[in-house]
């Protein structure tokens, strides 16, 4: 395997890990958003359904975030360093949100078992579930907007084209889009894990979140043309446009399935939509890791290191994948909704 192909394979592996994190962990964040806005006489039943759906697997889903970070700092150390410097604040605040969210989820469970302050922990859990995807979406905007500049000569120098590139209108739009997409995923998944009136509640949440996601996606594309024109143009090139269009078609199919109460199909279509849109982003953004200064090849580590990690993946997968399959089979084996 030549060096160029080696770099692209490593980047594809990192993207695959990111897709799994968004499809699985993103739905957990969305569950927290739904928990925060649970209303009506059945709000406690909504929160119980969210907790029952998330409880057995929410911590395991973070393994994919760890996986992405490991691949990034092993195979692309200069990129990892540059991103750690440029996005130090949003990344660390997102991690704080993840930790607060996990702690609140556990403490709320014990509070419901007989303690006090369950309502307080519910608020913390919900707010933290908004903070993390919002900041990660804003960081995505900073990555694609061309405002992170990296000097490659001598010691790696990182500076920001704007004081806070994660606080631009484009970044705010990407952050809100990330929260809305996670909420849509969670609502769609929950329609398959509930029944009766509760399922109808989550179906209505899915319709609302899906509509909001579509509106925000159009707004983000408009803002990208203003503040990240290179990236917006790349989304429409011949490499990425077919994948993006197919992803949008799956989004429409997911919405149709929710409207017509085909819940198994809606879950499949929603997850596929997210995967295709992230693949389209990866195709549009290459060959850059950080536009416009740092390509994948500039950021890559020694070929021997990348090769070692790639050869290690089957060994790790042989231990990890069966464990996750067993976890989901044991704790998520309830009959799926029709």
C-alpha atoms as a PDB file:
ATOM      1  CA  UNK A   1       0.000   0.000   0.000  1.00  0.00           C
ATOM      2  CA  UNK A   2       1.561   3.320  -1.066  1.00  0.00           C
ATOM      3  CA  UNK A   3       1.738   6.264   1.321  1.00  0.00           C
ATOM      4  CA  UNK A   4      -1.080   8.274  -0.278  1.00  0.00           C
ATOM      5  CA  UNK A   5      -3.491   5.350  -0.092  1.00  0.00           C
ATOM      6  CA  UNK A   6      -2.365   4.686   3.479  1.00  0.00           C
ATOM      7  CA  UNK A   7      -3.297   8.235   4.497  1.00  0.00           C
ATOM      8  CA  UNK A   8      -6.695   8.042   2.825  1.00  0.00           C
ATOM      9  CA  UNK A   9      -7.474   4.687   4.438  1.00  0.00           C
ATOM     10  CA  UNK A  10      -6.624   6.138   7.870  1.00  0.00           C
ATOM     11  CA  UNK A  11      -8.867   9.134   7.161  1.00  0.00           C
ATOM     12  CA  UNK A  12     -11.689   6.803   6.067  1.00  0.00           C
ATOM     13  CA  UNK A  13     -11.312   4.809   9.289  1.00  0.00           C
ATOM     14  CA  UNK A  14     -11.596   8.002  11.348  1.00  0.00           C
ATOM     15  CA  UNK A  15     -14.670   9.056   9.354  1.00  0.00           C
ATOM     16  CA  UNK A  16     -16.266   5.643   9.918  1.00  0.00           C
ATOM     17  CA  UNK A  17     -15.760   6.058  13.663  1.00  0.00           C
ATOM     18  CA  UNK A  18     -17.298   9.535  13.503  1.00  0.00           C
ATOM     19  CA  UNK A  19     -20.331   8.182  11.649  1.00  0.00           C
ATOM     20  CA  UNK A  20     -20.880   5.521  14.300  1.00  0.00           C
ATOM     21  CA  UNK A  21     -20.549   8.110  17.061  1.00  0.00           C
ATOM     22  CA  UNK A  22     -23.102  10.430  15.475  1.00  0.00           C
ATOM     23  CA  UNK A  23     -25.584   7.668  14.601  1.00  0.00           C
ATOM     24  CA  UNK A  24     -25.401   6.091  18.081  1.00  0.00           C
ATOM     25  CA  UNK A  25     -24.075   8.723  20.488  1.00  0.00           C
ATOM     26  CA  UNK A  26     -25.849  11.552  18.651  1.00  0.00           C
ATOM     27  CA  UNK A  27     -29.177   9.882  19.337  1.00  0.00           C
ATOM     28  CA  UNK A  28     -28.256   9.798  23.031  1.00  0.00           C
ATOM     29  CA  UNK A  29     -27.668  13.554  22.969  1.00  0.00           C
ATOM     30  CA  UNK A  30     -30.998  13.958  21.218  1.00  0.00           C
ATOM     31  CA  UNK A  31     -32.654  11.884  23.911  1.00  0.00           C
ATOM     32  CA  UNK A  32     -31.393  14.396  26.453  1.00  0.00           C
ATOM     33  CA  UNK A  33     -32.892  17.252  24.422  1.00  0.00           C
ATOM     34  CA  UNK A  34     -36.241  15.449  24.281  1.00  0.00           C
ATOM     35  CA  UNK A  35     -35.982  14.861  28.024  1.00  0.00           C
ATOM     36  CA  UNK A  36     -35.405  18.586  28.609  1.00  0.00           C
ATOM     37  CA  UNK A  37     -38.505  19.564  26.630  1.00  0.00           C
ATOM     38  CA  UNK A  38     -40.786  16.764  27.846  1.00  0.00           C
ATOM     39  CA  UNK A  39     -44.131  18.343  28.630  1.00  0.00           C
ATOM     40  CA  UNK A  40     -47.706  17.396  29.374  1.00  0.00           C
ATOM     41  CA  UNK A  41     -49.343  14.891  31.701  1.00  0.00           C
ATOM     42  CA  UNK A  42     -47.119  12.065  30.362  1.00  0.00           C
ATOM     43  CA  UNK A  43     -43.798  13.838  30.660  1.00  0.00           C
ATOM     44  CA  UNK A  44     -42.557  11.397  33.305  1.00  0.00           C
ATOM     45  CA  UNK A  45     -43.431   8.486  31.043  1.00  0.00           C
ATOM     46  CA  UNK A  46     -41.507  10.192  28.223  1.00  0.00           C
ATOM     47  CA  UNK A  47     -38.464  10.574  30.438  1.00  0.00           C
ATOM     48  CA  UNK A  48     -38.724   6.988  31.641  1.00  0.00           C
ATOM     49  CA  UNK A  49     -38.868   5.777  28.033  1.00  0.00           C
ATOM     50  CA  UNK A  50     -35.782   7.845  27.173  1.00  0.00           C
ATOM     51  CA  UNK A  51     -33.917   6.533  30.214  1.00  0.00           C
ATOM     52  CA  UNK A  52     -34.877   2.936  29.456  1.00  0.00           C
ATOM     53  CA  UNK A  53     -33.736   3.296  25.846  1.00  0.00           C
ATOM     54  CA  UNK A  54     -30.431   4.988  26.731  1.00  0.00           C
ATOM     55  CA  UNK A  55     -29.587   3.407  30.059  1.00  0.00           C
ATOM     56  CA  UNK A  56     -27.940   0.160  28.955  1.00  0.00           C
ATOM     57  CA  UNK A  57     -25.847   1.589  26.097  1.00  0.00           C
ATOM     58  CA  UNK A  58     -25.289   5.334  26.433  1.00  0.00           C
ATOM     59  CA  UNK A  59     -21.805   5.009  27.966  1.00  0.00           C
ATOM     60  CA  UNK A  60     -20.710   2.368  25.457  1.00  0.00           C
ATOM     61  CA  UNK A  61     -21.512   4.688  22.549  1.00  0.00           C
ATOM     62  CA  UNK A  62     -18.711   7.041  23.595  1.00  0.00           C
ATOM     63  CA  UNK A  63     -16.194   4.372  22.617  1.00  0.00           C
ATOM     64  CA  UNK A  64     -16.511   5.693  19.047  1.00  0.00           C
ATOM     65  CA  UNK A  65     -15.485   9.203  20.086  1.00  0.00           C
ATOM     66  CA  UNK A  66     -12.433   7.749  21.821  1.00  0.00           C
ATOM     67  CA  UNK A  67     -11.725   5.691  18.711  1.00  0.00           C
ATOM     68  CA  UNK A  68     -11.784   8.797  16.479  1.00  0.00           C
ATOM     69  CA  UNK A  69      -9.434  10.661  18.823  1.00  0.00           C
ATOM     70  CA  UNK A  70      -7.003   7.739  18.929  1.00  0.00           C
ATOM     71  CA  UNK A  71      -6.899   7.485  15.134  1.00  0.00           C
ATOM     72  CA  UNK A  72      -6.493  11.247  14.840  1.00  0.00           C
ATOM     73  CA  UNK A  73      -3.567  11.671  17.226  1.00  0.00           C
ATOM     74  CA  UNK A  74      -1.879   8.465  16.041  1.00  0.00           C
ATOM     75  CA  UNK A  75      -2.216   8.895  12.276  1.00  0.00           C
ATOM     76  CA  UNK A  76      -2.530  12.690  11.994  1.00  0.00           C
ATOM     77  CA  UNK A  77      -0.553  14.114  14.945  1.00  0.00           C
ATOM     78  CA  UNK A  78      -0.005  17.560  13.431  1.00  0.00           C
ATOM     79  CA  UNK A  79      -3.711  17.869  12.749  1.00  0.00           C
ATOM     80  CA  UNK A  80      -4.561  16.711  16.255  1.00  0.00           C
ATOM     81  CA  UNK A  81      -2.188  19.288  17.702  1.00  0.00           C
ATOM     82  CA  UNK A  82      -3.525  22.113  15.539  1.00  0.00           C
ATOM     83  CA  UNK A  83      -7.154  21.305  16.351  1.00  0.00           C
ATOM     84  CA  UNK A  84      -6.379  20.971  20.059  1.00  0.00           C
ATOM     85  CA  UNK A  85      -4.887  24.464  20.077  1.00  0.00           C
ATOM     86  CA  UNK A  86      -7.368  26.219  17.793  1.00  0.00           C
ATOM     87  CA  UNK A  87     -10.514  24.619  19.246  1.00  0.00           C
ATOM     88  CA  UNK A  88      -9.356  24.224  22.830  1.00  0.00           C
ATOM     89  CA  UNK A  89     -12.331  26.085  24.302  1.00  0.00           C
ATOM     90  CA  UNK A  90     -15.257  24.478  22.416  1.00  0.00           C
ATOM     91  CA  UNK A  91     -13.721  20.999  22.635  1.00  0.00           C
ATOM     92  CA  UNK A  92     -13.169  21.210  26.383  1.00  0.00           C
ATOM     93  CA  UNK A  93     -16.591  22.725  27.025  1.00  0.00           C
ATOM     94  CA  UNK A  94     -18.105  19.893  24.978  1.00  0.00           C
ATOM     95  CA  UNK A  95     -16.217  17.398  27.159  1.00  0.00           C
ATOM     96  CA  UNK A  96     -17.509  19.153  30.260  1.00  0.00           C
ATOM     97  CA  UNK A  97     -21.003  18.780  28.824  1.00  0.00           C
ATOM     98  CA  UNK A  98     -20.450  15.061  28.227  1.00  0.00           C
ATOM     99  CA  UNK A  99     -19.236  14.562  31.807  1.00  0.00           C
ATOM    100  CA  UNK A 100     -22.057  16.627  33.325  1.00  0.00           C
ATOM    101  CA  UNK A 101     -24.559  14.755  31.224  1.00  0.00           C
ATOM    102  CA  UNK A 102     -23.322  11.364  32.384  1.00  0.00           C
ATOM    103  CA  UNK A 103     -23.187  12.406  36.034  1.00  0.00           C
ATOM    104  CA  UNK A 104     -26.658  13.951  35.905  1.00  0.00           C
ATOM    105  CA  UNK A 105     -28.109  10.849  34.241  1.00  0.00           C
ATOM    106  CA  UNK A 106     -26.770   8.619  37.016  1.00  0.00           C
ATOM    107  CA  UNK A 107     -27.671  10.927  39.914  1.00  0.00           C
ATOM    108  CA  UNK A 108     -31.166  11.436  38.544  1.00  0.00           C
ATOM    109  CA  UNK A 109     -31.639   7.673  38.452  1.00  0.00           C
ATOM    110  CA  UNK A 110     -30.749   7.386  42.119  1.00  0.00           C
ATOM    111  CA  UNK A 111     -32.922  10.393  42.973  1.00  0.00           C
ATOM    112  CA  UNK A 112     -35.920   8.704  41.386  1.00  0.00           C
ATOM    113  CA  UNK A 113     -35.139   5.599  43.382  1.00  0.00           C
ATOM    114  CA  UNK A 114     -35.858   7.471  46.582  1.00  0.00           C
ATOM    115  CA  UNK A 115     -33.654  10.550  46.781  1.00  0.00           C
ATOM    116  CA  UNK A 116     -34.353  14.205  46.147  1.00  0.00           C
ATOM    117  CA  UNK A 117     -33.427  16.734  43.448  1.00  0.00           C
ATOM    118  CA  UNK A 118     -34.506  14.562  40.508  1.00  0.00           C
ATOM    119  CA  UNK A 119     -35.898  17.647  38.732  1.00  0.00           C
ATOM    120  CA  UNK A 120     -32.605  19.498  39.128  1.00  0.00           C
ATOM    121  CA  UNK A 121     -30.627  16.602  37.673  1.00  0.00           C
ATOM    122  CA  UNK A 122     -33.111  16.390  34.783  1.00  0.00           C
ATOM    123  CA  UNK A 123     -32.403  20.022  33.924  1.00  0.00           C
ATOM    124  CA  UNK A 124     -28.633  19.493  34.123  1.00  0.00           C
ATOM    125  CA  UNK A 125     -28.931  16.367  31.976  1.00  0.00           C
ATOM    126  CA  UNK A 126     -30.994  18.173  29.342  1.00  0.00           C
ATOM    127  CA  UNK A 127     -28.869  21.319  29.173  1.00  0.00           C
ATOM    128  CA  UNK A 128     -25.642  19.312  28.951  1.00  0.00           C
ATOM    129  CA  UNK A 129     -27.211  17.279  26.124  1.00  0.00           C
ATOM    130  CA  UNK A 130     -27.711  20.534  24.197  1.00  0.00           C
ATOM    131  CA  UNK A 131     -24.291  22.013  24.941  1.00  0.00           C
ATOM    132  CA  UNK A 132     -22.103  19.193  23.620  1.00  0.00           C
ATOM    133  CA  UNK A 133     -23.615  18.670  20.137  1.00  0.00           C
ATOM    134  CA  UNK A 134     -23.993  22.424  19.702  1.00  0.00           C
ATOM    135  CA  UNK A 135     -20.299  23.039  20.403  1.00  0.00           C
ATOM    136  CA  UNK A 136     -19.205  20.109  18.244  1.00  0.00           C
ATOM    137  CA  UNK A 137     -21.327  21.473  15.394  1.00  0.00           C
ATOM    138  CA  UNK A 138     -19.797  24.925  15.879  1.00  0.00           C
ATOM    139  CA  UNK A 139     -16.315  23.359  15.832  1.00  0.00           C
ATOM    140  CA  UNK A 140     -17.212  21.695  12.533  1.00  0.00           C
ATOM    141  CA  UNK A 141     -18.015  25.149  11.131  1.00  0.00           C
ATOM    142  CA  UNK A 142     -14.659  26.505  12.306  1.00  0.00           C
ATOM    143  CA  UNK A 143     -12.938  23.541  10.642  1.00  0.00           C
ATOM    144  CA  UNK A 144     -14.630  24.094   7.280  1.00  0.00           C
ATOM    145  CA  UNK A 145     -14.810  27.899   7.334  1.00  0.00           C
ATOM    146  CA  UNK A 146     -11.142  28.606   6.657  1.00  0.00           C
ATOM    147  CA  UNK A 147     -10.615  30.589   9.855  1.00  0.00           C
ATOM    148  CA  UNK A 148      -8.064  28.239  11.431  1.00  0.00           C
ATOM    149  CA  UNK A 149      -4.662  29.067   9.952  1.00  0.00           C
ATOM    150  CA  UNK A 150      -1.719  26.745  10.399  1.00  0.00           C
ATOM    151  CA  UNK A 151       1.902  27.669   9.690  1.00  0.00           C
ATOM    152  CA  UNK A 152       3.765  24.591   8.499  1.00  0.00           C
ATOM    153  CA  UNK A 153       7.334  25.892   8.481  1.00  0.00           C
ATOM    154  CA  UNK A 154       9.417  25.180  11.565  1.00  0.00           C
ATOM    155  CA  UNK A 155       7.404  24.699  14.732  1.00  0.00           C
ATOM    156  CA  UNK A 156       3.700  24.288  14.027  1.00  0.00           C
ATOM    157  CA  UNK A 157       2.018  27.671  14.485  1.00  0.00           C
ATOM    158  CA  UNK A 158      -1.749  27.953  14.859  1.00  0.00           C
ATOM    159  CA  UNK A 159      -3.743  31.151  14.848  1.00  0.00           C
ATOM    160  CA  UNK A 160      -7.354  32.078  14.209  1.00  0.00           C
ATOM    161  CA  UNK A 161      -8.495  34.151  11.265  1.00  0.00           C
ATOM    162  CA  UNK A 162     -11.260  35.453  13.525  1.00  0.00           C
ATOM    163  CA  UNK A 163     -11.175  35.835  17.276  1.00  0.00           C
ATOM    164  CA  UNK A 164     -13.797  33.131  17.832  1.00  0.00           C
ATOM    165  CA  UNK A 165     -14.494  31.258  14.574  1.00  0.00           C
ATOM    166  CA  UNK A 166     -16.939  29.001  16.423  1.00  0.00           C
ATOM    167  CA  UNK A 167     -19.156  32.023  17.199  1.00  0.00           C
ATOM    168  CA  UNK A 168     -19.866  33.171  13.633  1.00  0.00           C
ATOM    169  CA  UNK A 169     -23.391  33.002  12.230  1.00  0.00           C
ATOM    170  CA  UNK A 170     -22.327  29.998  10.178  1.00  0.00           C
ATOM    171  CA  UNK A 171     -20.993  28.276  13.299  1.00  0.00           C
ATOM    172  CA  UNK A 172     -24.159  29.071  15.269  1.00  0.00           C
ATOM    173  CA  UNK A 173     -26.207  27.601  12.429  1.00  0.00           C
ATOM    174  CA  UNK A 174     -24.090  24.430  12.351  1.00  0.00           C
ATOM    175  CA  UNK A 175     -24.419  24.084  16.121  1.00  0.00           C
ATOM    176  CA  UNK A 176     -28.205  24.379  16.023  1.00  0.00           C
ATOM    177  CA  UNK A 177     -28.345  21.975  13.080  1.00  0.00           C
ATOM    178  CA  UNK A 178     -26.331  19.404  15.046  1.00  0.00           C
ATOM    179  CA  UNK A 179     -28.706  19.659  18.026  1.00  0.00           C
ATOM    180  CA  UNK A 180     -31.770  19.406  15.791  1.00  0.00           C
ATOM    181  CA  UNK A 181     -30.408  16.417  13.838  1.00  0.00           C
ATOM    182  CA  UNK A 182     -29.573  14.570  17.063  1.00  0.00           C
ATOM    183  CA  UNK A 183     -33.064  15.282  18.381  1.00  0.00           C
ATOM    184  CA  UNK A 184     -34.604  13.968  15.174  1.00  0.00           C
ATOM    185  CA  UNK A 185     -32.542  10.776  15.385  1.00  0.00           C
ATOM    186  CA  UNK A 186     -33.572  10.225  18.997  1.00  0.00           C
ATOM    187  CA  UNK A 187     -37.270  10.812  18.328  1.00  0.00           C
ATOM    188  CA  UNK A 188     -37.231   8.437  15.344  1.00  0.00           C
ATOM    189  CA  UNK A 189     -35.435   5.749  17.352  1.00  0.00           C
ATOM    190  CA  UNK A 190     -37.854   6.144  20.247  1.00  0.00           C
ATOM    191  CA  UNK A 191     -40.884   5.577  18.027  1.00  0.00           C
ATOM    192  CA  UNK A 192     -39.542   2.054  17.610  1.00  0.00           C
ATOM    193  CA  UNK A 193     -39.095   1.515  21.355  1.00  0.00           C
ATOM    194  CA  UNK A 194     -42.486   2.695  22.585  1.00  0.00           C
ATOM    195  CA  UNK A 195     -46.120   2.036  21.762  1.00  0.00           C
ATOM    196  CA  UNK A 196     -49.564   3.535  22.132  1.00  0.00           C
ATOM    197  CA  UNK A 197     -49.910   7.201  23.006  1.00  0.00           C
ATOM    198  CA  UNK A 198     -46.259   7.464  23.996  1.00  0.00           C
ATOM    199  CA  UNK A 199     -45.197   6.419  20.503  1.00  0.00           C
ATOM    200  CA  UNK A 200     -47.486   9.082  19.034  1.00  0.00           C
ATOM    201  CA  UNK A 201     -45.850  11.700  21.237  1.00  0.00           C
ATOM    202  CA  UNK A 202     -42.400  10.783  19.962  1.00  0.00           C
ATOM    203  CA  UNK A 203     -43.744  10.632  16.412  1.00  0.00           C
ATOM    204  CA  UNK A 204     -44.909  14.245  16.741  1.00  0.00           C
ATOM    205  CA  UNK A 205     -41.517  15.163  18.209  1.00  0.00           C
ATOM    206  CA  UNK A 206     -39.840  13.505  15.207  1.00  0.00           C
ATOM    207  CA  UNK A 207     -42.008  15.457  12.757  1.00  0.00           C
ATOM    208  CA  UNK A 208     -41.210  18.734  14.504  1.00  0.00           C
ATOM    209  CA  UNK A 209     -37.483  17.997  14.796  1.00  0.00           C
ATOM    210  CA  UNK A 210     -37.323  16.809  11.175  1.00  0.00           C
ATOM    211  CA  UNK A 211     -38.977  20.004   9.959  1.00  0.00           C
ATOM    212  CA  UNK A 212     -36.609  22.091  12.059  1.00  0.00           C
ATOM    213  CA  UNK A 213     -33.627  20.147  10.748  1.00  0.00           C
ATOM    214  CA  UNK A 214     -34.656  20.756   7.132  1.00  0.00           C
ATOM    215  CA  UNK A 215     -35.068  24.505   7.758  1.00  0.00           C
ATOM    216  CA  UNK A 216     -31.745  24.755   9.570  1.00  0.00           C
ATOM    217  CA  UNK A 217     -29.962  22.764   6.840  1.00  0.00           C
ATOM    218  CA  UNK A 218     -31.174  25.267   4.235  1.00  0.00           C
ATOM    219  CA  UNK A 219     -30.060  28.148   6.462  1.00  0.00           C
ATOM    220  CA  UNK A 220     -26.617  26.585   7.018  1.00  0.00           C
ATOM    221  CA  UNK A 221     -26.141  26.094   3.283  1.00  0.00           C
ATOM    222  CA  UNK A 222     -27.021  29.767   2.720  1.00  0.00           C
ATOM    223  CA  UNK A 223     -24.616  30.897   5.440  1.00  0.00           C
ATOM    224  CA  UNK A 224     -21.910  28.598   4.076  1.00  0.00           C
ATOM    225  CA  UNK A 225     -22.136  30.393   0.722  1.00  0.00           C
ATOM    226  CA  UNK A 226     -21.465  33.638   2.575  1.00  0.00           C
ATOM    227  CA  UNK A 227     -18.853  32.581   5.143  1.00  0.00           C
ATOM    228  CA  UNK A 228     -17.427  29.258   3.899  1.00  0.00           C
ATOM    229  CA  UNK A 229     -17.782  29.520   0.137  1.00  0.00           C
ATOM    230  CA  UNK A 230     -15.023  27.037  -0.674  1.00  0.00           C
ATOM    231  CA  UNK A 231     -16.749  24.348   1.359  1.00  0.00           C
ATOM    232  CA  UNK A 232     -20.194  25.180  -0.042  1.00  0.00           C
ATOM    233  CA  UNK A 233     -18.838  24.889  -3.581  1.00  0.00           C
ATOM    234  CA  UNK A 234     -17.104  21.614  -2.729  1.00  0.00           C
ATOM    235  CA  UNK A 235     -20.394  20.123  -1.525  1.00  0.00           C
ATOM    236  CA  UNK A 236     -21.709  20.548  -5.066  1.00  0.00           C
ATOM    237  CA  UNK A 237     -18.751  19.050  -6.921  1.00  0.00           C
ATOM    238  CA  UNK A 238     -19.027  15.783  -8.818  1.00  0.00           C
ATOM    239  CA  UNK A 239     -17.425  13.727  -6.025  1.00  0.00           C
ATOM    240  CA  UNK A 240     -19.632  14.757  -3.127  1.00  0.00           C
ATOM    241  CA  UNK A 241     -22.865  16.016  -4.718  1.00  0.00           C
ATOM    242  CA  UNK A 242     -24.264  12.548  -5.608  1.00  0.00           C
ATOM    243  CA  UNK A 243     -23.655  11.337  -2.052  1.00  0.00           C
ATOM    244  CA  UNK A 244     -25.178  14.473  -0.516  1.00  0.00           C
ATOM    245  CA  UNK A 245     -28.230  14.257  -2.775  1.00  0.00           C
ATOM    246  CA  UNK A 246     -28.682  10.578  -1.913  1.00  0.00           C
ATOM    247  CA  UNK A 247     -28.433  11.459   1.777  1.00  0.00           C
ATOM    248  CA  UNK A 248     -31.136  14.106   1.361  1.00  0.00           C
ATOM    249  CA  UNK A 249     -33.291  11.540  -0.422  1.00  0.00           C
ATOM    250  CA  UNK A 250     -32.915   9.214   2.563  1.00  0.00           C
ATOM    251  CA  UNK A 251     -33.884  12.104   4.855  1.00  0.00           C
ATOM    252  CA  UNK A 252     -37.058  12.603   2.818  1.00  0.00           C
ATOM    253  CA  UNK A 253     -37.694   8.846   2.926  1.00  0.00           C
ATOM    254  CA  UNK A 254     -37.259   8.859   6.699  1.00  0.00           C
ATOM    255  CA  UNK A 255     -39.767  11.700   7.020  1.00  0.00           C
ATOM    256  CA  UNK A 256     -42.210   9.796   4.802  1.00  0.00           C
ATOM    257  CA  UNK A 257     -41.780   6.683   6.948  1.00  0.00           C
ATOM    258  CA  UNK A 258     -42.483   8.675  10.125  1.00  0.00           C
ATOM    259  CA  UNK A 259     -45.608  10.247   8.622  1.00  0.00           C
ATOM    260  CA  UNK A 260     -46.899   6.858   7.461  1.00  0.00           C
ATOM    261  CA  UNK A 261     -45.917   5.122  10.725  1.00  0.00           C
ATOM    262  CA  UNK A 262     -43.382   2.761   9.188  1.00  0.00           C
ATOM    263  CA  UNK A 263     -41.118   2.941  12.197  1.00  0.00           C
ATOM    264  CA  UNK A 264     -38.545   0.301  11.294  1.00  0.00           C
ATOM    265  CA  UNK A 265     -37.968   1.931   7.934  1.00  0.00           C
ATOM    266  CA  UNK A 266     -37.775   5.397   9.485  1.00  0.00           C
ATOM    267  CA  UNK A 267     -34.948   4.312  11.787  1.00  0.00           C
ATOM    268  CA  UNK A 268     -33.020   2.684   8.954  1.00  0.00           C
ATOM    269  CA  UNK A 269     -33.488   5.667   6.649  1.00  0.00           C
ATOM    270  CA  UNK A 270     -32.540   8.205   9.342  1.00  0.00           C
ATOM    271  CA  UNK A 271     -29.308   6.413  10.250  1.00  0.00           C
ATOM    272  CA  UNK A 272     -28.395   5.961   6.576  1.00  0.00           C
ATOM    273  CA  UNK A 273     -29.074   9.628   5.898  1.00  0.00           C
ATOM    274  CA  UNK A 274     -26.628  10.714   8.606  1.00  0.00           C
ATOM    275  CA  UNK A 275     -23.983   8.296   7.343  1.00  0.00           C
ATOM    276  CA  UNK A 276     -24.297   9.502   3.736  1.00  0.00           C
ATOM    277  CA  UNK A 277     -24.184  13.186   4.658  1.00  0.00           C
ATOM    278  CA  UNK A 278     -21.018  12.666   6.697  1.00  0.00           C
ATOM    279  CA  UNK A 279     -19.440  10.698   3.842  1.00  0.00           C
ATOM    280  CA  UNK A 280     -20.383  13.550   1.512  1.00  0.00           C
ATOM    281  CA  UNK A 281     -18.706  16.013   3.879  1.00  0.00           C
ATOM    282  CA  UNK A 282     -15.564  13.873   3.930  1.00  0.00           C
ATOM    283  CA  UNK A 283     -15.446  13.750   0.121  1.00  0.00           C
ATOM    284  CA  UNK A 284     -16.041  17.496  -0.123  1.00  0.00           C
ATOM    285  CA  UNK A 285     -13.410  18.412   2.448  1.00  0.00           C
ATOM    286  CA  UNK A 286     -10.575  16.246   1.152  1.00  0.00           C
ATOM    287  CA  UNK A 287      -7.652  16.589   0.692  1.00  0.00           C
ATOM    288  CA  UNK A 288      -7.769  18.997   3.635  1.00  0.00           C
ATOM    289  CA  UNK A 289      -7.916  18.159   7.296  1.00  0.00           C
ATOM    290  CA  UNK A 290      -8.009  21.872   8.175  1.00  0.00           C
ATOM    291  CA  UNK A 291      -8.846  24.142   5.254  1.00  0.00           C
ATOM    292  CA  UNK A 292      -6.931  25.983   3.755  1.00  0.00           C
ATOM    293  CA  UNK A 293      -3.481  25.214   5.192  1.00  0.00           C
ATOM    294  CA  UNK A 294      -3.287  21.638   6.460  1.00  0.00           C
ATOM    295  CA  UNK A 295      -3.912  18.722   4.123  1.00  0.00           C
ATOM    296  CA  UNK A 296      -4.233  15.123   5.228  1.00  0.00           C
ATOM    297  CA  UNK A 297      -0.726  14.509   3.905  1.00  0.00           C
ATOM    298  CA  UNK A 298       0.752  17.488   5.794  1.00  0.00           C
ATOM    299  CA  UNK A 299      -0.889  16.275   8.999  1.00  0.00           C
ATOM    300  CA  UNK A 300      -0.020  12.595   8.595  1.00  0.00           C
ATOM    301  CA  UNK A 301       2.432  10.818  10.858  1.00  0.00           C
ATOM    302  CA  UNK A 302       5.104   8.334   9.774  1.00  0.00           C
ATOM    303  CA  UNK A 303       3.804   5.636   7.401  1.00  0.00           C
ATOM    304  CA  UNK A 304       5.079   2.938   9.764  1.00  0.00           C
ATOM    305  CA  UNK A 305       2.889   4.300  12.560  1.00  0.00           C
ATOM    306  CA  UNK A 306      -0.198   4.507  10.355  1.00  0.00           C
ATOM    307  CA  UNK A 307       0.430   1.014   9.013  1.00  0.00           C
ATOM    308  CA  UNK A 308       0.790  -0.376  12.540  1.00  0.00           C
ATOM    309  CA  UNK A 309      -2.510   1.160  13.646  1.00  0.00           C
ATOM    310  CA  UNK A 310      -4.352  -0.128  10.585  1.00  0.00           C
ATOM    311  CA  UNK A 311      -2.989  -3.644  11.109  1.00  0.00           C
ATOM    312  CA  UNK A 312      -4.050  -3.418  14.771  1.00  0.00           C
ATOM    313  CA  UNK A 313      -7.662  -2.601  13.947  1.00  0.00           C
ATOM    314  CA  UNK A 314      -8.793  -6.159  13.104  1.00  0.00           C
ATOM    315  CA  UNK A 315      -7.365  -7.366  16.429  1.00  0.00           C
ATOM    316  CA  UNK A 316      -9.173  -4.646  18.362  1.00  0.00           C
ATOM    317  CA  UNK A 317     -12.368  -5.155  16.384  1.00  0.00           C
ATOM    318  CA  UNK A 318     -12.315  -8.876  17.163  1.00  0.00           C
ATOM    319  CA  UNK A 319     -12.587  -7.968  20.856  1.00  0.00           C
ATOM    320  CA  UNK A 320     -14.748  -4.856  20.673  1.00  0.00           C
ATOM    321  CA  UNK A 321     -17.443  -5.701  18.119  1.00  0.00           C
ATOM    322  CA  UNK A 322     -18.625  -8.991  19.716  1.00  0.00           C
ATOM    323  CA  UNK A 323     -18.763  -7.244  23.095  1.00  0.00           C
ATOM    324  CA  UNK A 324     -20.939  -4.437  21.709  1.00  0.00           C
ATOM    325  CA  UNK A 325     -23.168  -6.900  19.849  1.00  0.00           C
ATOM    326  CA  UNK A 326     -23.674  -8.875  23.066  1.00  0.00           C
ATOM    327  CA  UNK A 327     -24.390  -5.661  24.984  1.00  0.00           C
ATOM    328  CA  UNK A 328     -27.077  -4.565  22.527  1.00  0.00           C
ATOM    329  CA  UNK A 329     -28.535  -8.059  22.265  1.00  0.00           C
ATOM    330  CA  UNK A 330     -28.863  -8.448  26.030  1.00  0.00           C
ATOM    331  CA  UNK A 331     -30.179  -4.989  26.841  1.00  0.00           C
ATOM    332  CA  UNK A 332     -31.893  -3.955  23.618  1.00  0.00           C
ATOM    333  CA  UNK A 333     -33.569  -7.205  22.627  1.00  0.00           C
ATOM    334  CA  UNK A 334     -37.160  -6.065  23.124  1.00  0.00           C
ATOM    335  CA  UNK A 335     -39.326  -6.668  20.052  1.00  0.00           C
ATOM    336  CA  UNK A 336     -39.056  -3.797  17.597  1.00  0.00           C
ATOM    337  CA  UNK A 337     -42.149  -1.859  16.736  1.00  0.00           C
ATOM    338  CA  UNK A 338     -43.762  -2.631  13.383  1.00  0.00           C
END
